[in-house]
Amino acid sequence: MANIIEIECPECHASLWVDADTRVIVQHKKIKKTNTASFDDLLLKEKVKKEKVEERFSMARELEQAKKKKAEEIFNKSLGQE
């Protein structure tokens, strides 16, 4: 009885079926590339990603400013009560 192992190439994702006993390649199958995104599509995706990062950074900055303002108000209020 043959002991056949399927191995996938991590780089090209081709499949090899190898007989583990005889160490002979029984069958191989190349995978066709399906990801054929154009350069313009990739640029657009990167632009959208950059805009999202900038938006998150802006929101975080506004939140930090609001926290700082509230902390200053609490500090000033506590100084006025003493």
Protein backbone atom coordinates (compact mmCIF):
# COMPACT_ATOMS: atom_id res chain seq x y z
CA MET A 1 0.00 0.00 0.00
CA ALA A 2 1.44 3.34 -1.06
CA ASN A 3 1.86 6.07 1.53
CA ILE A 4 1.21 9.25 -0.49
CA ILE A 5 1.75 12.69 1.01
CA GLU A 6 0.52 15.95 -0.47
CA ILE A 7 2.93 18.87 -0.13
CA GLU A 8 2.17 22.49 -1.01
CA CYS A 9 4.93 24.90 -2.00
CA PRO A 10 4.75 27.94 0.32
CA GLU A 11 5.97 30.26 -2.42
CA CYS A 12 4.08 29.28 -5.59
CA HIS A 13 1.35 27.17 -3.93
CA ALA A 14 1.88 24.29 -6.35
CA SER A 15 0.91 20.85 -5.04
CA LEU A 16 3.13 17.76 -5.11
CA TRP A 17 1.98 14.24 -4.29
CA VAL A 18 4.93 12.18 -3.12
CA ASP A 19 5.11 8.46 -2.37
CA ALA A 20 6.71 8.49 1.08
CA ASP A 21 8.03 4.93 0.75
CA THR A 22 9.80 5.32 -2.59
CA ARG A 23 10.26 9.11 -2.39
CA VAL A 24 9.00 9.51 -5.94
CA ILE A 25 6.77 12.34 -7.11
CA VAL A 26 3.53 10.73 -8.19
CA GLN A 27 1.71 13.83 -9.40
CA HIS A 28 2.13 17.60 -9.46
CA LYS A 29 -0.28 20.46 -10.04
CA LYS A 30 0.54 24.09 -10.72
CA ILE A 31 -1.82 26.72 -9.38
CA LYS A 32 -2.86 29.48 -11.76
CA LYS A 33 -2.61 33.00 -10.43
CA THR A 34 -6.04 34.51 -9.93
CA ASN A 35 -4.94 37.76 -8.32
CA THR A 36 -4.24 39.98 -11.32
CA ALA A 37 -4.92 43.37 -9.79
CA SER A 38 -3.74 46.27 -11.87
CA PHE A 39 -1.23 48.80 -10.64
CA ASP A 40 -3.94 51.47 -10.55
CA ASP A 41 -6.10 49.26 -8.32
CA LEU A 42 -3.20 48.76 -5.93
CA LEU A 43 -2.51 52.49 -5.82
CA LEU A 44 -6.16 53.18 -5.07
CA LYS A 45 -6.17 50.63 -2.24
CA GLU A 46 -3.06 52.19 -0.73
CA LYS A 47 -4.58 55.68 -1.01
CA VAL A 48 -7.75 54.54 0.79
CA LYS A 49 -5.66 52.81 3.46
CA LYS A 50 -3.60 55.97 3.96
CA GLU A 51 -6.74 58.10 4.29
CA LYS A 52 -8.16 55.73 6.92
CA VAL A 53 -4.92 55.86 8.91
CA GLU A 54 -4.88 59.65 8.77
CA GLU A 55 -8.52 59.77 9.87
CA ARG A 56 -7.83 57.47 12.84
CA PHE A 57 -4.78 59.53 13.78
CA SER A 58 -6.84 62.72 13.66
CA MET A 59 -9.55 61.18 15.83
CA ALA A 60 -6.98 59.98 18.36
CA ARG A 61 -5.38 63.43 18.46
CA GLU A 62 -8.76 65.10 19.09
CA LEU A 63 -9.51 62.59 21.85
CA GLU A 64 -6.16 63.28 23.53
CA GLN A 65 -6.77 67.03 23.34
CA ALA A 66 -10.21 66.58 24.93
CA LYS A 67 -8.70 64.47 27.71
CA LYS A 68 -6.00 67.08 28.31
CA LYS A 69 -8.57 69.88 28.46
CA LYS A 70 -10.74 67.95 30.91
CA ALA A 71 -7.71 67.13 33.09
CA GLU A 72 -6.72 70.81 33.13
CA GLU A 73 -10.27 71.80 34.12
CA ILE A 74 -10.28 69.27 36.96
CA PHE A 75 -6.84 70.44 38.08
CA ASN A 76 -7.83 74.12 38.01
CA LYS A 77 -11.08 73.33 39.82
CA SER A 78 -9.21 71.48 42.56
CA LEU A 79 -6.77 74.36 42.98
CA GLY A 80 -9.62 76.82 43.34
CA GLN A 81 -11.29 74.76 46.10
CA GLU A 82 -8.20 74.55 48.34
